[in-house]
């Protein structure tokens, strides 16, 4: 059985998936129904968050370089519009460099829609299934939902050395940078570590007894040559959390400012 609540539609055979991961752009259609009219239109906001995760390097996993990921919402209801509150949703996204395992992230993020539960979901890419290792159907996704370790992995070449430190609770990082840091770099760093939290907020707790929990936003500071961030409460499984952070920092390193060394500490909750 899945670790998280709200996934009955998947175990009951109302999840349909047909996706072949590639670094070339393709259209991904996401459709779902709910058991009642949502109180608020959270589902379109969730689609927007998923696109931001991919665009900041959190969707490629171990299969694609973080800088290769891209996502754009082509059609469908947006947050804050009358169409955001509905019992049926359909979006088209243009995606590239999205890990097969990121489909699990999509399912878990969209499983609850503003106070009501999802009753069916379909995630279908525009490329035909080829039976290869990057091919995903609902059978694989259902198996992943029962596997505590089946989340996007770490890209093999982040581009900078990583030092892991010990910490009792929470999560912290310190980046030694290659030069003086302006305000724009600080803002981009804050965006990256904030979206990291959203990227893994539906992953498991360290004890795998349900969904993890953490602070809504990090504390971020800078010096002339360092960037630091900390979450005082950060109770998520370290493996997917660390993998996603490294991938997002790799994108930051290649697109925003070079990282000379990253110190990372993710604690284990009591």
Protein backbone atom coordinates (compact mmCIF):
# COMPACT_ATOMS: atom_id res chain seq x y z
CA UNK A 1 0.00 0.00 0.00
CA UNK A 2 1.21 3.56 -0.66
CA UNK A 3 2.80 5.39 2.26
CA UNK A 4 0.77 8.59 1.74
CA UNK A 5 -2.96 9.20 2.12
CA UNK A 6 -5.11 10.18 -0.84
CA UNK A 7 -3.76 7.63 -3.32
CA UNK A 8 -6.74 5.26 -3.36
CA UNK A 9 -7.36 6.09 -7.02
CA UNK A 10 -3.94 4.66 -7.89
CA UNK A 11 -4.41 1.38 -6.03
CA UNK A 12 -7.96 1.03 -7.43
CA UNK A 13 -6.74 1.13 -11.03
CA UNK A 14 -7.79 4.70 -11.81
CA UNK A 15 -4.27 5.90 -12.56
CA UNK A 16 -3.18 5.84 -16.21
CA UNK A 17 0.42 6.62 -17.20
CA UNK A 18 2.23 6.42 -20.54
CA UNK A 19 5.47 8.42 -20.62
CA UNK A 20 8.90 8.01 -22.20
CA UNK A 21 11.55 10.21 -20.59
CA UNK A 22 13.87 12.07 -22.96
CA UNK A 23 15.92 15.24 -23.06
CA UNK A 24 13.96 16.39 -26.13
CA UNK A 25 10.76 18.46 -25.66
CA UNK A 26 7.44 16.66 -25.70
CA UNK A 27 3.88 17.44 -24.63
CA UNK A 28 2.74 15.90 -21.36
CA UNK A 29 -1.02 15.85 -20.81
CA UNK A 30 -2.17 15.65 -17.19
CA UNK A 31 -5.86 15.02 -16.49
CA UNK A 32 -7.67 14.32 -13.26
CA UNK A 33 -11.08 14.26 -11.57
CA UNK A 34 -12.07 14.95 -7.97
CA UNK A 35 -14.80 13.59 -5.70
CA UNK A 36 -16.23 17.06 -5.00
CA UNK A 37 -15.78 20.70 -5.91
CA UNK A 38 -12.55 21.87 -4.22
CA UNK A 39 -12.79 24.59 -1.60
CA UNK A 40 -9.85 26.37 -3.23
CA UNK A 41 -8.13 25.94 -6.58
CA UNK A 42 -4.90 24.30 -5.41
CA UNK A 43 -4.47 21.88 -8.32
CA UNK A 44 -3.43 24.54 -10.88
CA UNK A 45 -1.00 25.96 -8.33
CA UNK A 46 0.44 22.47 -7.96
CA UNK A 47 1.00 22.24 -11.71
CA UNK A 48 2.84 25.57 -11.59
CA UNK A 49 5.03 24.36 -8.72
CA UNK A 50 5.92 21.18 -10.63
CA UNK A 51 7.02 23.27 -13.62
CA UNK A 52 9.18 25.47 -11.37
CA UNK A 53 10.82 22.41 -9.80
CA UNK A 54 11.82 21.11 -13.23
CA UNK A 55 13.02 24.52 -14.40
CA UNK A 56 15.25 24.83 -11.32
CA UNK A 57 16.89 21.43 -11.84
CA UNK A 58 14.78 19.24 -9.56
CA UNK A 59 13.14 17.04 -12.17
CA UNK A 60 16.01 15.36 -13.98
CA UNK A 61 17.05 12.90 -11.28
CA UNK A 62 19.96 10.64 -12.11
CA UNK A 63 18.95 10.35 -15.78
CA UNK A 64 19.31 13.93 -17.09
CA UNK A 65 21.61 16.84 -16.32
CA UNK A 66 19.85 19.37 -14.08
CA UNK A 67 20.41 22.14 -16.63
CA UNK A 68 18.63 20.09 -19.32
CA UNK A 69 15.26 20.13 -17.59
CA UNK A 70 12.54 22.46 -18.82
CA UNK A 71 8.79 22.75 -18.35
CA UNK A 72 6.15 25.16 -19.61
CA UNK A 73 2.40 25.07 -19.05
CA UNK A 74 0.85 25.32 -22.52
CA UNK A 75 -2.83 25.08 -21.63
CA UNK A 76 -5.21 24.38 -18.79
CA UNK A 77 -6.55 26.23 -15.77
CA UNK A 78 -4.20 28.57 -13.95
CA UNK A 79 -4.22 29.53 -10.30
CA UNK A 80 -6.45 32.42 -9.30
CA UNK A 81 -8.89 31.99 -12.19
CA UNK A 82 -12.54 30.78 -12.05
CA UNK A 83 -11.44 27.58 -13.86
CA UNK A 84 -9.11 26.76 -10.95
CA UNK A 85 -12.05 25.35 -8.95
CA UNK A 86 -13.50 22.35 -10.81
CA UNK A 87 -14.11 18.62 -10.60
CA UNK A 88 -12.29 17.92 -13.88
CA UNK A 89 -8.88 19.25 -14.86
CA UNK A 90 -6.72 18.98 -17.96
CA UNK A 91 -3.32 20.54 -18.65
CA UNK A 92 -0.79 20.33 -21.45
CA UNK A 93 2.83 20.90 -20.48
CA UNK A 94 5.90 20.98 -22.67
CA UNK A 95 8.60 19.09 -20.77
CA UNK A 96 12.14 17.96 -21.45
CA UNK A 97 14.74 16.23 -19.29
CA UNK A 98 12.16 14.94 -16.79
CA UNK A 99 13.14 11.77 -14.96
CA UNK A 100 10.81 8.77 -15.20
CA UNK A 101 10.64 8.77 -11.40
CA UNK A 102 9.43 12.37 -11.38
CA UNK A 103 6.04 11.00 -12.47
CA UNK A 104 5.69 9.79 -8.88
CA UNK A 105 6.32 13.36 -7.72
CA UNK A 106 3.51 14.59 -10.00
CA UNK A 107 1.07 11.98 -8.69
CA UNK A 108 1.85 12.66 -5.03
CA UNK A 109 1.67 16.46 -5.37
CA UNK A 110 -1.66 16.44 -7.22
CA UNK A 111 -3.33 13.68 -5.17
CA UNK A 112 -5.27 16.16 -3.00
CA UNK A 113 -7.00 19.16 -4.55
CA UNK A 114 -8.08 21.87 -2.13
CA UNK A 115 -9.91 19.86 0.51
CA UNK A 116 -11.15 16.98 -1.65
CA UNK A 117 -9.58 13.83 -3.03
CA UNK A 118 -8.61 12.93 -6.57
CA UNK A 119 -10.65 10.04 -7.99
CA UNK A 120 -8.73 9.46 -11.24
CA UNK A 121 -5.56 10.71 -12.90
CA UNK A 122 -3.95 10.35 -16.32
CA UNK A 123 -0.38 11.37 -17.25
CA UNK A 124 0.41 10.76 -20.92
CA UNK A 125 3.37 11.97 -22.97
CA UNK A 126 3.26 12.64 -26.70
CA UNK A 127 5.96 10.06 -27.50
CA UNK A 128 4.95 6.42 -28.10
CA UNK A 129 5.97 3.83 -25.53
CA UNK A 130 9.09 1.98 -26.64
CA UNK A 131 9.58 -0.57 -23.84
CA UNK A 132 12.96 0.92 -22.93
CA UNK A 133 14.38 1.74 -19.49
CA UNK A 134 12.96 5.28 -19.57
CA UNK A 135 9.45 4.06 -20.38
CA UNK A 136 6.86 4.49 -17.60
CA UNK A 137 3.33 3.10 -17.25
CA UNK A 138 0.91 3.06 -14.33
CA UNK A 139 2.30 -0.35 -13.36
CA UNK A 140 5.73 1.15 -12.58
CA UNK A 141 4.23 4.14 -10.78
CA UNK A 142 2.05 1.96 -8.55
CA UNK A 143 5.14 -0.06 -7.60
CA UNK A 144 7.07 3.15 -6.85
CA UNK A 145 4.30 4.36 -4.54
CA UNK A 146 4.99 1.27 -2.40
CA UNK A 147 8.78 1.82 -2.44
CA UNK A 148 10.30 4.27 0.05
CA UNK A 149 13.39 4.69 -2.16
CA UNK A 150 11.74 5.22 -5.55
CA UNK A 151 12.29 8.97 -5.97
CA UNK A 152 14.45 10.86 -8.50
CA UNK A 153 18.13 10.19 -7.91
CA UNK A 154 21.30 12.28 -7.94
CA UNK A 155 22.93 13.50 -11.15
CA UNK A 156 26.42 11.99 -11.28
CA UNK A 157 28.35 15.21 -12.01
CA UNK A 158 27.09 18.26 -10.08
CA UNK A 159 30.15 20.33 -11.03
CA UNK A 160 31.51 21.14 -7.54
CA UNK A 161 32.78 19.24 -4.47
CA UNK A 162 30.26 18.33 -1.76
CA UNK A 163 31.07 17.97 1.94
CA UNK A 164 28.46 16.34 4.16
CA UNK A 165 28.25 17.61 7.74
CA UNK A 166 26.41 16.25 10.77
CA UNK A 167 23.39 18.00 12.25
CA UNK A 168 20.96 16.86 14.92
CA UNK A 169 17.79 18.35 13.43
CA UNK A 170 16.75 20.45 10.48
CA UNK A 171 18.73 21.06 7.33
CA UNK A 172 21.51 23.50 6.50
CA UNK A 173 23.88 24.33 3.69
CA UNK A 174 26.83 26.65 3.13
CA UNK A 175 28.09 27.44 -0.36
CA UNK A 176 31.58 28.81 -0.93
CA UNK A 177 31.26 30.93 -4.05
CA UNK A 178 33.77 31.99 -6.65
CA UNK A 179 33.41 35.75 -6.19
CA UNK A 180 31.46 38.65 -4.76
CA UNK A 181 27.72 38.06 -4.52
CA UNK A 182 25.17 40.64 -5.60
CA UNK A 183 21.55 40.86 -4.45
CA UNK A 184 20.24 39.05 -7.53
CA UNK A 185 22.36 35.99 -6.74
CA UNK A 186 20.98 36.00 -3.19
CA UNK A 187 17.40 36.14 -4.51
CA UNK A 188 18.04 33.28 -6.94
CA UNK A 189 19.58 31.21 -4.14
CA UNK A 190 16.58 31.89 -1.89
CA UNK A 191 14.27 30.80 -4.72
CA UNK A 192 16.26 27.60 -5.26
CA UNK A 193 16.27 26.48 -1.62
CA UNK A 194 12.60 27.43 -1.21
CA UNK A 195 11.54 25.39 -4.25
CA UNK A 196 13.72 22.53 -2.95
CA UNK A 197 11.40 22.37 0.05
CA UNK A 198 8.35 22.28 -2.23
CA UNK A 199 10.01 19.63 -4.41
CA UNK A 200 10.30 17.16 -1.55
CA UNK A 201 7.39 18.16 0.72
CA UNK A 202 5.38 15.12 -0.38
CA UNK A 203 8.22 12.67 0.21
CA UNK A 204 8.32 10.47 3.30
CA UNK A 205 9.34 11.19 6.85
CA UNK A 206 12.64 9.64 8.04
CA UNK A 207 10.70 6.80 9.69
CA UNK A 208 8.66 6.18 6.49
CA UNK A 209 5.41 6.29 8.47
CA UNK A 210 3.83 9.00 6.34
CA UNK A 211 4.42 12.38 4.76
CA UNK A 212 7.36 14.42 6.01
CA UNK A 213 7.09 17.90 7.49
CA UNK A 214 9.21 21.03 7.68
CA UNK A 215 9.36 24.80 7.89
CA UNK A 216 7.55 26.64 5.11
CA UNK A 217 10.57 28.81 4.25
CA UNK A 218 14.29 28.79 5.03
CA UNK A 219 16.45 31.40 6.73
CA UNK A 220 18.95 32.66 4.15
CA UNK A 221 22.03 34.84 4.69
CA UNK A 222 25.09 35.79 2.67
CA UNK A 223 28.57 37.19 3.12
CA UNK A 224 30.79 38.50 0.36
CA UNK A 225 31.75 34.98 -0.71
CA UNK A 226 29.29 32.58 0.96
CA UNK A 227 25.61 31.71 0.78
CA UNK A 228 23.93 29.97 3.72
CA UNK A 229 20.45 28.57 4.31
CA UNK A 230 18.82 26.68 7.15
CA UNK A 231 15.54 24.94 7.94
CA UNK A 232 15.10 24.48 11.70
CA UNK A 233 12.38 21.86 11.12
CA UNK A 234 13.08 19.49 8.24
CA UNK A 235 11.73 15.99 8.77
CA UNK A 236 12.07 14.30 5.40
CA UNK A 237 13.85 11.16 4.22
CA UNK A 238 17.46 12.21 3.65
CA UNK A 239 17.96 10.25 0.42
CA UNK A 240 15.47 12.02 -1.90
CA UNK A 241 16.00 15.31 -0.07
CA UNK A 242 19.77 15.27 -0.61
CA UNK A 243 19.48 14.10 -4.23
CA UNK A 244 17.05 16.88 -5.14
CA UNK A 245 19.13 19.53 -3.36
CA UNK A 246 22.34 18.52 -5.14
CA UNK A 247 20.59 18.56 -8.51
CA UNK A 248 19.09 21.99 -7.91
CA UNK A 249 22.40 23.40 -6.68
CA UNK A 250 24.03 21.99 -9.82
CA UNK A 251 21.61 24.01 -11.95
CA UNK A 252 22.31 27.07 -9.81
CA UNK A 253 26.06 26.48 -10.29
CA UNK A 254 25.77 26.31 -14.08
CA UNK A 255 23.26 29.12 -14.61
CA UNK A 256 23.54 31.63 -11.77
CA UNK A 257 26.93 31.64 -10.02
CA UNK A 258 29.79 29.11 -9.75
CA UNK A 259 30.00 27.11 -6.52
CA UNK A 260 33.51 26.30 -5.27
CA UNK A 261 32.29 23.93 -2.53
CA UNK A 262 28.97 22.98 -0.96
CA UNK A 263 28.57 21.89 2.65
CA UNK A 264 25.28 20.06 3.25
CA UNK A 265 23.74 18.81 6.49
CA UNK A 266 20.37 17.07 6.77
CA UNK A 267 19.42 15.81 10.21
CA UNK A 268 17.37 12.83 11.31
CA UNK A 269 14.18 13.70 13.17
CA UNK A 270 13.54 12.17 16.58
